Amino acid sequence: RGVVAVKMVALACRGRPGGSLGAKVGAKMGQPVISRTRSPGQSVAGRAGVRASASLRTAFRKLLVGGKEREGEEVAANENEVKAIAPEPMAEEHAAGVPKRRVGIVGANGQLGSRIAGEMSSAGWDVTALTRSSKDRVEALEGVRVVEGFDTTDVDDEGVLRMASELRGLDCIVIVPSSSRSDYERDGFTPFSNELEGVRNVLRGLDEAGLKATNSSRRGPTRKLVDFGFSSCSHNPAGGAKVAFRPLDDTLMGGLSSSSAFYAGDCLCWTGEVKFEGGGFCGIRSEDLAERTRAMKDAETYDGIELRVQGDGQTYKIGVRTEDLRERPGCSFQASFVAPEGVDFATVRIPFEDFVFVDQTRCVPDPPPLLASKIISLGFVLSRYSYNRSTNTNCRPGKFLFRASGAITLYRERRAQVVLVSSAACERNQMISSEEERMADIPIVQLNPKSVLNAKYAGECAVRNSGYQYVVVRPVGLKDREGEGEVFVTEVSQGDTLAGTISRDEVARAVAEAAAVPHRVTFEVASRESPNKRVDPAAVLRRQLRSLQPDHRRPALGIPPFPKPDCN
C-alpha cells in the first residue's frame, strides 16, 4: 500500500512516476525536490522499490486534495480528466482535416485480427487487411481494403518484394500472428516459422517498402505557438508587435520580489530578484493568445510543449491557461523543468500529461481539458514552492536570469510504426530455469505447447531490435464474454506479471489505442469487472496507456531487463 501511495503522489505532483519528486518520495518520503529533466524515469535510476504502474492519477482527489474517494466510484476514470491528459489522437486528427493514417493488419481475417481491423477503421484509420487465404470475417467490414495471398511464413526474396508492394505507403503495420490446426499440417510450419520468421519477413518487407526506421530520432513534427523572432508571421496571425509578457510577481500580495521581461533578438529574456520574505516568487504571463491558437486547426494532434531555454540551474514552471479558466484567475496548468546553466540553450519537452492543474500552488481535482486550441496565455514562474506548498529546494533567493530562444512550440512524437500482438507469460516463460519453476507457474507456462511462448518472445525481440518505432501488446488469456449488464475495464502492466482473462474486443481496443502511444513500449493487458457501472472503459484504457514507460527505462523502474530469446 505504501508503494502504491508513493506512486500516486509521484504522479499527481509531477505527472509521471519518473519525475524527480516521485524519485525523492519513493526513496525517503522527505521534502520533495522538483528537478525537471526531459528524461522521465532517469531521476529514479537506482532507487529501489520504484516500479512501473498503470493504475495511477487517483491521487489528485485522494492524496493531494485530502478529499475522500466516493465509495464504488473510480474517480481516476473521469472522462474529462483523461481528455485533459491525452485527447483521442485519431478522432481529433480526422476532425481537424489531417489525412488519415494508413495501417496494414497482417492476420486480419483471424478472430482477433478481424476485430482489430474493425476497431481501427471505426477509430479513423485507413485500414488494409492483409490475409493469407480466406477473407470471410474481414470482407464485411465497411471501408476496409482486403488483400489476399499475404503469406508471411513461406517467403523468398521475390516474395519479400511482393510483400513490400502491399506495405508501401503505410504509416503503421499491425502484426497478429495467427494459426489453425490445418496450418500445422503444412510442411515446415512451426510456432517459430509463424511467430518469429513471419515477423522477420514482415520487417524485411517494411525495409523494402521504404518505411524508414527511426532508431536515430524520435522527433515528429512541430508547430510554433509563439514566435519570438518575428513581429508578424503566419504563426502570429494577429500581426503587430511581438507577444508581450507582463510581470506577475509576489508584490501583488505584499511581497518584495520583482522581475521584468524583454526581447533580445529572437530571445525572450526574463530577469529579476526573488525574495523569500513575503510570497517568494516571480512570474510573467503573455498577452491573450486566443486568436493565434484558434487559427491552429490541428492543435489537438500535438503531444506537448517544446522550449529552448538557458538559465541558472534553478527549477522553473511553465504555466498554461485556457478558455475554461477565464473566470478562474488563480488557476492554471503547470509543469516544472530545470533551466540549465551554461553557454548553450537546452531543449526541454513537456508532455501535456505532465501538466498539473493548480489553484495558486494547490493541486485541485477534476480539471477541465487541456486543449491546445483553447490556450489563451502562457507564462513562467520561479517560486520557493513547488506544489501544495511543498518547498522547491532548487530555488534560491536572489537575482536570476532566464532566456527562451526562438519560439514556444507544440511538438508531436512519432507514433508506432509496428504494433505486434504477442502474449502475456512469454517473458516469464523465458526466465524459467528448472522444471520445478515451470510446474509452479501458471498453466500456460506449465504447458507451453510446441514452445509457442518461446517463439512469441523471439518475435518480440525481433521487433524491439528492428529500429522501428514499436508497441508490443501482450494480452492475457482470451475469453469472449456473453451477456449484458457487466462493465469491464482494462488493467495494464509492464514486466510480465499480469494474469487473468480479456475479451478479443477489449484487445482490439487496446491495440487501436496503443498505436498512438509515443513510446517504444511492451505491456500486458487484462480486464476485470468494475464495481462502477458508469465508468467509461475507453477512458480508463487511455489513461493507463499514457502511464506506460518506454522499454529502455525498465531498469530504472525496478523491472528486470529483457532475457535473451531462443532463436532456433
Protein backbone atom coordinates (compact mmCIF):
# COMPACT_ATOMS: atom_id res chain seq x y z
CA ARG A 1 0.00 0.00 0.00
CA GLY A 2 2.82 2.37 0.83
CA VAL A 3 4.42 1.79 -2.58
CA VAL A 4 1.12 2.45 -4.34
CA ALA A 5 0.67 5.66 -2.36
CA VAL A 6 4.17 6.79 -3.30
CA LYS A 7 3.44 6.14 -6.99
CA MET A 8 0.24 8.16 -6.80
CA VAL A 9 1.96 11.06 -5.05
CA ALA A 10 4.75 10.96 -7.63
CA LEU A 11 2.28 11.04 -10.49
CA ALA A 12 -0.01 13.72 -9.15
CA CYS A 13 2.84 16.05 -8.23
CA ARG A 14 4.97 15.51 -11.28
CA GLY A 15 2.72 13.98 -13.88
CA ARG A 16 4.57 10.67 -14.19
CA PRO A 17 6.43 8.30 -11.87
CA GLY A 18 9.77 9.06 -13.50
CA GLY A 19 9.77 12.67 -12.22
CA SER A 20 12.34 13.65 -9.65
CA LEU A 21 9.70 14.32 -6.99
CA GLY A 22 8.49 10.76 -7.40
CA ALA A 23 12.07 9.58 -7.03
CA LYS A 24 12.57 11.55 -3.83
CA VAL A 25 9.29 10.49 -2.30
CA GLY A 26 9.89 6.89 -3.31
CA ALA A 27 13.36 7.00 -1.81
CA LYS A 28 12.72 8.53 1.60
CA MET A 29 9.29 10.21 1.86
CA GLY A 30 11.01 13.53 2.61
CA GLN A 31 10.51 17.04 1.31
CA PRO A 32 10.09 16.92 -2.48
CA VAL A 33 12.68 18.32 -4.83
CA ILE A 34 11.40 19.38 -8.24
CA SER A 35 14.31 18.97 -10.64
CA ARG A 36 12.81 18.54 -14.07
CA THR A 37 14.72 16.65 -16.74
CA ARG A 38 13.43 15.69 -20.15
CA SER A 39 14.14 12.05 -19.45
CA PRO A 40 11.33 10.97 -17.11
CA GLY A 41 12.46 7.85 -15.32
CA GLN A 42 16.10 8.96 -15.31
CA SER A 43 15.80 10.51 -11.86
CA VAL A 44 14.54 7.28 -10.30
CA ALA A 45 17.50 5.26 -11.55
CA GLY A 46 18.98 3.21 -8.79
CA ARG A 47 16.18 3.89 -6.31
CA ALA A 48 14.90 0.57 -5.04
CA GLY A 49 11.20 -0.07 -4.78
CA VAL A 50 10.11 2.25 -7.56
CA ARG A 51 8.22 0.22 -10.14
CA ALA A 52 6.05 0.89 -13.15
CA SER A 53 2.32 1.11 -12.65
CA ALA A 54 -0.58 2.00 -14.89
CA SER A 55 -3.22 2.37 -12.13
CA LEU A 56 -2.36 5.98 -11.38
CA ARG A 57 -3.77 9.54 -11.28
CA THR A 58 -6.21 8.81 -8.44
CA ALA A 59 -4.01 10.88 -6.16
CA PHE A 60 -5.43 14.28 -7.09
CA ARG A 61 -8.62 13.51 -5.21
CA LYS A 62 -7.49 11.07 -2.58
CA LEU A 63 -3.94 12.05 -1.54
CA LEU A 64 -3.24 15.64 -2.58
CA VAL A 65 -6.60 17.27 -2.11
CA GLY A 66 -7.45 15.38 1.03
CA GLY A 67 -10.91 14.52 -0.25
CA LYS A 68 -12.43 11.12 0.34
CA GLU A 69 -12.84 8.99 -2.76
CA ARG A 70 -16.51 8.21 -3.27
CA GLU A 71 -17.33 4.60 -2.48
CA GLY A 72 -17.59 2.36 -5.53
CA GLU A 73 -16.56 5.10 -7.96
CA GLU A 74 -13.34 5.04 -10.00
CA VAL A 75 -12.54 8.73 -9.89
CA ALA A 76 -9.41 8.30 -11.99
CA ALA A 77 -11.54 7.18 -14.90
CA ASN A 78 -13.31 10.54 -15.13
CA GLU A 79 -13.54 11.16 -18.84
CA ASN A 80 -12.85 14.90 -18.65
CA GLU A 81 -9.68 14.28 -16.66
CA VAL A 82 -8.46 11.76 -19.21
CA LYS A 83 -9.16 14.06 -22.15
CA ALA A 84 -7.13 16.74 -20.43
CA ILE A 85 -4.21 14.34 -20.44
CA ALA A 86 -4.50 12.68 -23.82
CA PRO A 87 -7.03 13.70 -26.49
CA GLU A 88 -8.10 10.88 -28.77
CA PRO A 89 -5.42 11.18 -31.46
CA MET A 90 -7.12 9.64 -34.46
CA ALA A 91 -10.53 11.18 -33.94
CA GLU A 92 -9.01 14.63 -33.39
CA GLU A 93 -6.72 14.40 -36.41
CA HIS A 94 -9.52 13.32 -38.71
CA ALA A 95 -11.80 16.07 -37.46
CA ALA A 96 -9.08 18.65 -37.96
CA GLY A 97 -8.67 17.73 -41.60
CA VAL A 98 -5.37 15.93 -41.14
CA PRO A 99 -5.10 12.96 -43.56
CA LYS A 100 -5.94 9.59 -42.06
CA ARG A 101 -3.03 7.42 -41.01
CA ARG A 102 -2.78 4.26 -43.08
CA VAL A 103 -2.43 0.91 -41.35
CA GLY A 104 -1.95 -2.61 -42.65
CA ILE A 105 -3.07 -5.53 -40.49
CA VAL A 106 -1.29 -8.85 -41.00
CA GLY A 107 -3.53 -11.73 -39.96
CA ALA A 108 -6.65 -9.59 -40.35
CA ASN A 109 -9.03 -12.47 -41.04
CA GLY A 110 -8.46 -14.24 -37.74
CA GLN A 111 -10.88 -13.93 -34.84
CA LEU A 112 -8.69 -11.28 -33.21
CA GLY A 113 -7.29 -9.68 -36.38
CA SER A 114 -10.75 -9.01 -37.83
CA ARG A 115 -11.82 -7.27 -34.63
CA ILE A 116 -8.67 -5.11 -34.70
CA ALA A 117 -9.40 -4.17 -38.32
CA GLY A 118 -12.93 -3.13 -37.44
CA GLU A 119 -11.85 -1.20 -34.34
CA MET A 120 -9.13 0.74 -36.15
CA SER A 121 -11.42 1.54 -39.07
CA SER A 122 -14.00 2.91 -36.62
CA ALA A 123 -11.27 4.96 -34.95
CA GLY A 124 -10.50 6.76 -38.20
CA TRP A 125 -7.65 4.73 -39.69
CA ASP A 126 -7.41 3.88 -43.39
CA VAL A 127 -7.22 0.08 -43.00
CA THR A 128 -5.75 -2.51 -45.35
CA ALA A 129 -6.47 -6.10 -44.26
CA LEU A 130 -3.64 -8.45 -45.25
CA THR A 131 -4.81 -12.08 -45.23
CA ARG A 132 -3.13 -15.37 -46.16
CA SER A 133 -6.09 -17.19 -47.71
CA SER A 134 -9.67 -16.61 -46.59
CA LYS A 135 -11.32 -13.23 -46.07
CA ASP A 136 -14.81 -14.09 -44.87
CA ARG A 137 -14.54 -12.32 -41.49
CA VAL A 138 -12.94 -9.11 -42.71
CA GLU A 139 -14.57 -8.52 -46.09
CA ALA A 140 -17.84 -7.47 -44.45
CA LEU A 141 -16.14 -4.56 -42.66
CA GLU A 142 -17.06 -1.23 -44.18
CA GLY A 143 -14.22 0.82 -45.62
CA VAL A 144 -11.56 -1.90 -45.21
CA ARG A 145 -9.43 -2.83 -48.22
CA VAL A 146 -8.67 -6.56 -48.36
CA VAL A 147 -5.50 -8.10 -49.86
CA GLU A 148 -5.38 -11.91 -50.13
CA GLY A 149 -2.34 -14.14 -50.56
CA PHE A 150 -0.24 -12.33 -47.94
CA ASP A 151 1.68 -15.32 -46.54
CA THR A 152 4.47 -14.32 -44.17
CA THR A 153 5.76 -17.80 -43.32
CA ASP A 154 6.97 -19.10 -46.70
CA VAL A 155 8.71 -16.14 -48.33
CA ASP A 156 11.79 -15.96 -50.56
CA ASP A 157 13.45 -12.76 -51.76
CA GLU A 158 10.94 -12.37 -54.57
CA GLY A 159 8.14 -12.86 -52.05
CA VAL A 160 9.56 -10.09 -49.86
CA LEU A 161 9.40 -7.71 -52.84
CA ARG A 162 5.77 -8.67 -53.45
CA MET A 163 5.08 -8.11 -49.79
CA ALA A 164 6.77 -4.69 -49.96
CA SER A 165 4.46 -3.61 -52.76
CA GLU A 166 1.47 -4.05 -50.44
CA LEU A 167 3.20 -2.39 -47.48
CA ARG A 168 4.42 0.65 -49.39
CA GLY A 169 2.77 3.87 -48.28
CA LEU A 170 1.62 2.60 -44.88
CA ASP A 171 2.24 4.58 -41.72
CA CYS A 172 1.86 1.59 -39.40
CA ILE A 173 1.68 -2.20 -39.58
CA VAL A 174 -0.14 -4.35 -37.01
CA ILE A 175 1.12 -7.95 -36.88
CA VAL A 176 -1.31 -10.50 -35.46
CA PRO A 177 0.36 -13.93 -35.85
CA SER A 178 -2.41 -16.49 -36.10
CA SER A 179 -2.57 -20.17 -36.91
CA SER A 180 -5.07 -23.01 -37.16
CA ARG A 181 -4.79 -26.78 -36.89
CA SER A 182 -4.56 -27.05 -40.66
CA ASP A 183 -1.51 -24.78 -40.65
CA TYR A 184 0.42 -27.29 -38.58
CA GLU A 185 -0.25 -29.91 -41.22
CA ARG A 186 1.76 -27.87 -43.70
CA ASP A 187 5.36 -28.91 -44.22
CA GLY A 188 7.76 -26.79 -42.21
CA PHE A 189 5.09 -24.87 -40.30
CA THR A 190 6.05 -24.43 -36.64
CA PRO A 191 5.47 -21.77 -33.97
CA PHE A 192 8.92 -20.41 -34.78
CA SER A 193 8.20 -20.19 -38.52
CA ASN A 194 4.97 -18.33 -37.73
CA GLU A 195 5.81 -16.17 -34.70
CA LEU A 196 9.48 -15.44 -35.47
CA GLU A 197 10.23 -15.95 -39.17
CA GLY A 198 6.85 -14.50 -40.14
CA VAL A 199 7.57 -11.36 -38.11
CA ARG A 200 11.07 -11.09 -39.56
CA ASN A 201 9.67 -11.35 -43.09
CA VAL A 202 7.22 -8.53 -42.44
CA LEU A 203 10.08 -6.37 -41.13
CA ARG A 204 12.08 -7.17 -44.29
CA GLY A 205 9.06 -6.16 -46.33
CA LEU A 206 8.87 -2.85 -44.47
CA ASP A 207 12.54 -2.21 -45.18
CA GLU A 208 11.99 -2.83 -48.89
CA ALA A 209 8.83 -0.70 -48.85
CA GLY A 210 10.79 2.30 -47.63
CA LEU A 211 9.14 2.71 -44.23
CA LYS A 212 12.20 4.16 -42.59
CA ALA A 213 13.23 3.06 -39.13
CA THR A 214 13.58 5.82 -36.56
CA ASN A 215 16.44 4.48 -34.48
CA SER A 216 18.35 7.76 -34.63
CA SER A 217 15.49 10.15 -33.89
CA ARG A 218 12.04 10.14 -32.38
CA ARG A 219 11.29 13.75 -33.29
CA GLY A 220 7.99 14.26 -35.01
CA PRO A 221 6.51 17.43 -36.50
CA THR A 222 6.42 20.71 -34.58
CA ARG A 223 4.45 23.92 -34.88
CA LYS A 224 5.23 27.32 -33.39
CA LEU A 225 2.73 28.56 -30.84
CA VAL A 226 4.52 31.83 -30.03
CA ASP A 227 7.36 33.00 -32.27
CA PHE A 228 9.96 35.22 -30.58
CA GLY A 229 11.77 36.03 -33.80
CA PHE A 230 9.15 37.81 -35.94
CA SER A 231 6.81 40.68 -35.32
CA SER A 232 4.31 39.41 -37.91
CA CYS A 233 4.17 35.92 -39.38
CA SER A 234 1.88 33.04 -40.18
CA HIS A 235 2.16 31.77 -36.62
CA ASN A 236 1.17 35.18 -35.24
CA PRO A 237 -1.88 35.92 -37.42
CA ALA A 238 -2.83 38.88 -35.28
CA GLY A 239 0.32 40.60 -36.53
CA GLY A 240 1.81 43.70 -34.90
CA ALA A 241 4.43 43.63 -32.18
CA LYS A 242 5.92 40.53 -30.65
CA VAL A 243 3.89 38.80 -27.96
CA ALA A 244 4.09 40.87 -24.80
CA PHE A 245 4.77 39.34 -21.40
CA ARG A 246 3.83 41.21 -18.21
CA PRO A 247 5.15 40.53 -14.69
CA LEU A 248 3.04 38.71 -12.08
CA ASP A 249 5.30 38.94 -9.03
CA ASP A 250 4.54 38.47 -5.36
CA THR A 251 4.21 42.25 -4.96
CA LEU A 252 0.56 41.62 -5.90
CA MET A 253 0.19 40.01 -2.44
CA GLY A 254 2.54 42.22 -0.46
CA GLY A 255 5.82 40.50 -1.30
CA LEU A 256 9.15 42.08 -2.22
CA SER A 257 10.17 40.12 -5.34
CA SER A 258 10.25 41.83 -8.73
CA SER A 259 11.03 41.00 -12.37
CA SER A 260 10.74 42.22 -15.96
CA ALA A 261 10.71 40.63 -19.44
CA PHE A 262 12.16 41.94 -22.69
CA TYR A 263 13.32 40.72 -26.11
CA ALA A 264 16.92 40.50 -27.30
CA GLY A 265 16.85 39.39 -30.93
CA ASP A 266 14.89 36.15 -31.06
CA CYS A 267 15.23 35.53 -27.30
CA LEU A 268 12.71 36.22 -24.59
CA CYS A 269 14.72 37.38 -21.58
CA TRP A 270 13.28 37.40 -18.07
CA THR A 271 15.28 38.73 -15.15
CA GLY A 272 14.60 39.84 -11.61
CA GLU A 273 15.14 39.09 -7.94
CA VAL A 274 13.28 36.59 -5.76
CA LYS A 275 12.96 37.48 -2.08
CA PHE A 276 11.67 34.81 0.23
CA GLU A 277 10.21 37.42 2.58
CA GLY A 278 6.58 37.60 1.58
CA GLY A 279 5.36 35.48 -1.32
CA GLY A 280 8.74 34.28 -2.58
CA PHE A 281 8.02 34.13 -6.30
CA CYS A 282 8.36 35.95 -9.62
CA GLY A 283 6.27 35.29 -12.70
CA ILE A 284 5.40 36.53 -16.16
CA ARG A 285 2.36 35.91 -18.33
CA SER A 286 1.78 36.51 -22.02
CA GLU A 287 -0.90 38.65 -23.59
CA ASP A 288 -4.07 36.95 -24.83
CA LEU A 289 -3.23 34.27 -27.44
CA ALA A 290 -6.79 33.21 -28.28
CA GLU A 291 -6.66 34.50 -31.87
CA ARG A 292 -3.42 32.65 -32.51
CA THR A 293 -4.50 29.29 -31.09
CA ARG A 294 -7.94 29.33 -32.72
CA ALA A 295 -6.20 29.60 -36.10
CA MET A 296 -4.30 26.34 -35.48
CA LYS A 297 -6.80 23.80 -36.79
CA ASP A 298 -4.60 20.79 -35.97
CA ALA A 299 -3.60 21.93 -32.47
CA GLU A 300 -5.13 18.90 -30.75
CA THR A 301 -2.90 16.44 -32.62
CA TYR A 302 0.21 17.59 -30.70
CA ASP A 303 1.59 15.98 -27.56
CA GLY A 304 3.20 18.80 -25.62
CA ILE A 305 5.21 22.00 -25.49
CA GLU A 306 8.85 22.39 -26.51
CA LEU A 307 11.23 25.16 -25.42
CA ARG A 308 14.88 26.04 -25.90
CA VAL A 309 15.99 27.51 -22.60
CA GLN A 310 19.04 28.79 -20.79
CA GLY A 311 19.16 29.81 -17.16
CA ASP A 312 20.90 29.42 -13.86
CA GLY A 313 20.21 25.80 -12.96
CA GLN A 314 17.06 26.55 -10.99
CA THR A 315 13.70 24.80 -11.32
CA TYR A 316 11.10 26.91 -13.09
CA LYS A 317 7.49 26.27 -14.00
CA ILE A 318 5.67 26.88 -17.25
CA GLY A 319 2.04 27.84 -16.81
CA VAL A 320 -0.78 27.44 -19.34
CA ARG A 321 -4.24 29.00 -19.13
CA THR A 322 -7.18 28.06 -21.32
CA GLU A 323 -10.57 29.50 -22.25
CA ASP A 324 -12.20 27.47 -19.49
CA LEU A 325 -10.18 29.38 -16.89
CA ARG A 326 -11.09 32.97 -17.82
CA GLU A 327 -13.33 33.24 -14.75
CA ARG A 328 -10.81 31.47 -12.51
CA PRO A 329 -7.83 33.88 -12.36
CA GLY A 330 -5.80 31.85 -9.87
CA CYS A 331 -6.00 28.57 -11.79
CA SER A 332 -3.63 27.24 -14.45
CA PHE A 333 -1.94 24.09 -15.73
CA GLN A 334 1.70 23.96 -14.58
CA ALA A 335 4.74 21.77 -15.17
CA SER A 336 8.26 22.06 -13.77
CA PHE A 337 11.57 21.99 -15.60
CA VAL A 338 15.20 22.91 -14.97
CA ALA A 339 16.73 25.79 -16.94
CA PRO A 340 20.36 24.63 -17.19
CA GLU A 341 23.22 26.97 -16.59
CA GLY A 342 25.75 27.28 -19.40
CA VAL A 343 26.51 28.75 -22.79
CA ASP A 344 24.25 26.58 -24.94
CA PHE A 345 20.47 26.52 -24.96
CA ALA A 346 18.89 23.20 -23.93
CA THR A 347 15.74 21.74 -25.48
CA VAL A 348 13.00 20.97 -22.96
CA ARG A 349 9.97 18.91 -23.97
CA ILE A 350 7.00 18.82 -21.61
CA PRO A 351 4.18 16.39 -22.48
CA PHE A 352 0.67 17.68 -21.84
CA GLU A 353 0.07 14.82 -19.40
CA ASP A 354 2.85 16.22 -17.19
CA PHE A 355 0.89 19.39 -16.52
CA VAL A 356 -0.76 19.62 -13.09
CA PHE A 357 -3.96 21.62 -12.60
CA VAL A 358 -3.43 24.08 -9.74
CA ASP A 359 -5.07 26.95 -7.93
CA GLN A 360 -2.05 29.07 -6.98
CA THR A 361 0.19 26.17 -5.85
CA ARG A 362 -2.57 23.82 -4.61
CA CYS A 363 -3.37 20.83 -6.82
CA VAL A 364 -7.09 20.52 -7.48
CA PRO A 365 -9.12 17.61 -8.90
CA ASP A 366 -11.39 17.33 -11.93
CA PRO A 367 -9.55 19.73 -14.25
CA PRO A 368 -11.09 20.99 -17.46
CA PRO A 369 -9.48 19.61 -20.64
CA LEU A 370 -6.05 20.99 -21.52
CA LEU A 371 -6.64 21.58 -25.22
CA ALA A 372 -4.00 23.42 -27.26
CA SER A 373 -6.68 25.10 -29.37
CA LYS A 374 -8.05 26.75 -26.22
CA ILE A 375 -4.79 28.17 -24.85
CA ILE A 376 -5.23 31.87 -24.03
CA SER A 377 -1.92 32.58 -22.27
CA LEU A 378 1.49 31.14 -21.39
CA GLY A 379 3.84 32.14 -18.64
CA PHE A 380 6.75 31.24 -16.42
CA VAL A 381 7.17 31.12 -12.64
CA LEU A 382 10.17 30.91 -10.32
CA SER A 383 8.91 30.14 -6.83
CA ARG A 384 10.16 28.91 -3.49
CA TYR A 385 7.20 26.50 -3.55
CA SER A 386 6.53 23.57 -5.87
CA TYR A 387 3.02 22.16 -5.39
CA ASN A 388 0.75 22.02 -2.32
CA ARG A 389 3.12 24.39 -0.53
CA SER A 390 5.96 21.87 -0.56
CA THR A 391 9.36 23.51 -0.85
CA ASN A 392 11.16 23.87 -4.16
CA THR A 393 14.68 23.30 -2.84
CA ASN A 394 16.08 24.14 -6.28
CA CYS A 395 15.02 27.77 -5.96
CA ARG A 396 17.29 30.21 -4.18
CA PRO A 397 16.75 33.82 -3.12
CA GLY A 398 18.47 36.49 -5.12
CA LYS A 399 18.81 37.59 -8.74
CA PHE A 400 18.01 35.30 -11.65
CA LEU A 401 18.17 35.32 -15.45
CA PHE A 402 16.07 33.08 -17.70
CA ARG A 403 16.10 33.05 -21.52
CA ALA A 404 13.95 31.22 -24.05
CA SER A 405 15.14 31.14 -27.66
CA GLY A 406 13.25 31.09 -30.93
CA ALA A 407 9.72 30.10 -30.03
CA ILE A 408 7.36 28.26 -27.75
CA THR A 409 6.48 25.26 -29.90
CA LEU A 410 3.94 22.47 -29.97
CA TYR A 411 5.51 19.09 -30.75
CA ARG A 412 4.19 15.72 -31.85
CA GLU A 413 6.00 12.48 -31.02
CA ARG A 414 6.43 9.84 -33.68
CA ARG A 415 3.75 7.19 -33.44
CA ALA A 416 4.18 3.44 -33.61
CA GLN A 417 5.27 2.05 -36.97
CA VAL A 418 5.00 -1.59 -35.88
CA VAL A 419 2.45 -2.99 -33.43
CA LEU A 420 2.96 -6.66 -32.55
CA VAL A 421 0.24 -8.65 -30.79
CA SER A 422 2.10 -11.20 -28.68
CA SER A 423 1.10 -12.95 -25.46
CA ALA A 424 1.43 -12.46 -21.74
CA ALA A 425 3.65 -15.06 -20.00
CA CYS A 426 6.12 -15.31 -22.88
CA GLU A 427 8.75 -13.29 -20.99
CA ARG A 428 8.23 -15.09 -17.68
CA ASN A 429 8.46 -18.39 -19.57
CA GLN A 430 11.82 -17.28 -20.95
CA MET A 431 13.13 -16.86 -17.40
CA ILE A 432 12.23 -20.39 -16.28
CA SER A 433 15.42 -22.22 -15.26
CA SER A 434 14.12 -25.53 -13.91
CA GLU A 435 11.22 -27.94 -14.23
CA GLU A 436 10.26 -27.15 -10.64
CA GLU A 437 9.87 -23.47 -11.51
CA ARG A 438 7.80 -24.30 -14.56
CA MET A 439 5.36 -26.52 -12.67
CA ALA A 440 4.93 -23.81 -10.02
CA ASP A 441 3.94 -21.20 -12.62
CA ILE A 442 0.60 -20.52 -14.33
CA PRO A 443 -0.92 -23.23 -16.59
CA ILE A 444 0.14 -21.75 -19.95
CA VAL A 445 3.76 -21.67 -18.77
CA GLN A 446 3.48 -25.23 -17.49
CA LEU A 447 2.16 -26.44 -20.85
CA ASN A 448 3.92 -24.13 -23.34
CA PRO A 449 2.62 -26.22 -26.28
CA LYS A 450 5.17 -26.68 -29.08
CA SER A 451 7.31 -23.99 -27.34
CA VAL A 452 4.92 -21.35 -28.64
CA LEU A 453 5.80 -18.92 -25.82
CA ASN A 454 9.49 -19.12 -26.74
CA ALA A 455 8.59 -18.41 -30.37
CA LYS A 456 6.37 -15.44 -29.46
CA TYR A 457 9.10 -13.96 -27.29
CA ALA A 458 11.69 -14.35 -30.06
CA GLY A 459 9.31 -12.49 -32.42
CA GLU A 460 9.02 -9.68 -29.88
CA CYS A 461 12.80 -9.36 -29.70
CA ALA A 462 12.99 -9.10 -33.50
CA VAL A 463 10.58 -6.14 -33.37
CA ARG A 464 12.35 -4.46 -30.44
CA ASN A 465 15.70 -4.72 -32.21
CA SER A 466 14.40 -3.61 -35.62
CA GLY A 467 14.92 0.13 -35.15
CA TYR A 468 11.29 0.87 -35.93
CA GLN A 469 9.05 2.76 -33.55
CA TYR A 470 7.10 -0.09 -31.97
CA VAL A 471 4.50 -1.20 -29.45
CA VAL A 472 4.25 -4.82 -28.27
CA VAL A 473 0.85 -5.75 -26.81
CA ARG A 474 0.66 -8.86 -24.63
CA PRO A 475 -2.94 -9.90 -23.91
CA VAL A 476 -3.58 -12.47 -21.18
CA GLY A 477 -5.89 -15.44 -21.82
CA LEU A 478 -8.56 -14.67 -24.43
CA LYS A 479 -12.13 -15.26 -23.25
CA ASP A 480 -15.05 -13.67 -25.08
CA ARG A 481 -17.96 -12.85 -22.79
CA GLU A 482 -21.67 -13.32 -23.21
CA GLY A 483 -24.50 -11.40 -21.59
CA GLU A 484 -25.06 -7.76 -20.72
CA GLY A 485 -25.06 -5.59 -17.62
CA GLU A 486 -21.47 -6.18 -16.53
CA VAL A 487 -18.86 -3.46 -17.12
CA PHE A 488 -15.23 -4.50 -17.59
CA VAL A 489 -12.21 -2.18 -17.53
CA THR A 490 -8.66 -2.86 -18.61
CA GLU A 491 -5.67 -3.44 -16.39
CA VAL A 492 -2.30 -2.62 -17.95
CA SER A 493 1.09 -3.64 -16.59
CA GLN A 494 4.76 -3.99 -17.51
CA GLY A 495 7.22 -6.72 -16.56
CA ASP A 496 5.02 -9.74 -17.42
CA THR A 497 3.47 -10.36 -14.01
CA LEU A 498 -0.17 -9.98 -15.09
CA ALA A 499 -2.58 -12.91 -15.35
CA GLY A 500 -6.29 -13.30 -15.94
CA THR A 501 -8.56 -13.03 -18.98
CA ILE A 502 -9.59 -10.46 -21.56
CA SER A 503 -12.03 -10.48 -24.46
CA ARG A 504 -10.94 -10.13 -28.08
CA ASP A 505 -12.95 -6.92 -28.41
CA GLU A 506 -11.04 -5.43 -25.48
CA VAL A 507 -7.72 -6.46 -27.02
CA ALA A 508 -8.77 -4.83 -30.30
CA ARG A 509 -9.49 -1.55 -28.49
CA ALA A 510 -6.15 -1.75 -26.69
CA VAL A 511 -4.28 -2.28 -29.98
CA ALA A 512 -6.09 0.60 -31.69
CA GLU A 513 -5.29 2.97 -28.82
CA ALA A 514 -1.72 1.67 -28.38
CA ALA A 515 -0.91 2.57 -32.00
CA ALA A 516 -0.99 6.21 -30.87
CA VAL A 517 1.34 5.76 -27.88
CA PRO A 518 4.53 7.81 -28.46
CA HIS A 519 6.86 5.24 -26.85
CA ARG A 520 8.76 2.10 -27.68
CA VAL A 521 6.96 0.00 -25.12
CA THR A 522 6.00 -3.57 -24.25
CA PHE A 523 3.00 -4.11 -21.98
CA GLU A 524 0.47 -6.69 -20.81
CA VAL A 525 -3.27 -6.11 -20.79
CA ALA A 526 -6.08 -7.89 -18.92
CA SER A 527 -9.57 -6.85 -17.85
CA ARG A 528 -11.64 -7.01 -14.70
CA GLU A 529 -15.21 -6.29 -13.75
CA SER A 530 -15.74 -2.76 -12.48
CA PRO A 531 -17.99 -2.05 -9.48
CA ASN A 532 -18.81 1.31 -11.06
CA LYS A 533 -21.35 0.75 -13.83
CA ARG A 534 -20.96 4.35 -15.01
CA VAL A 535 -17.23 4.15 -15.70
CA ASP A 536 -16.02 4.72 -19.27
CA PRO A 537 -13.77 1.73 -20.19
CA ALA A 538 -12.22 3.64 -23.11
CA ALA A 539 -11.21 6.49 -20.79
CA VAL A 540 -9.66 4.05 -18.31
CA LEU A 541 -7.67 2.37 -21.09
CA ARG A 542 -6.44 5.68 -22.48
CA ARG A 543 -5.32 6.88 -19.07
CA GLN A 544 -3.43 3.66 -18.38
CA LEU A 545 -1.66 3.67 -21.75
CA ARG A 546 -0.45 7.22 -21.08
CA SER A 547 1.10 5.98 -17.82
CA LEU A 548 3.32 3.41 -19.55
CA GLN A 549 7.06 3.91 -19.51
CA PRO A 550 9.34 3.17 -22.51
CA ASP A 551 11.18 -0.14 -22.54
CA HIS A 552 14.58 1.48 -22.14
CA ARG A 553 13.51 2.77 -18.69
CA ARG A 554 12.65 -0.67 -17.32
CA PRO A 555 15.79 -0.93 -15.11
CA ALA A 556 15.08 2.47 -13.56
CA LEU A 557 11.57 1.30 -12.71
CA GLY A 558 12.73 -1.85 -10.97
CA ILE A 559 11.76 -4.16 -13.85
CA PRO A 560 14.38 -6.78 -14.81
CA PRO A 561 15.97 -6.43 -18.26
CA PHE A 562 14.59 -8.49 -21.11
CA PRO A 563 16.06 -12.03 -21.12
CA LYS A 564 17.75 -13.38 -24.24
CA PRO A 565 15.47 -15.13 -26.74
CA ASP A 566 15.63 -18.63 -28.21
CA CYS A 567 16.15 -18.05 -31.94
CA ASN A 568 16.39 -21.61 -33.18
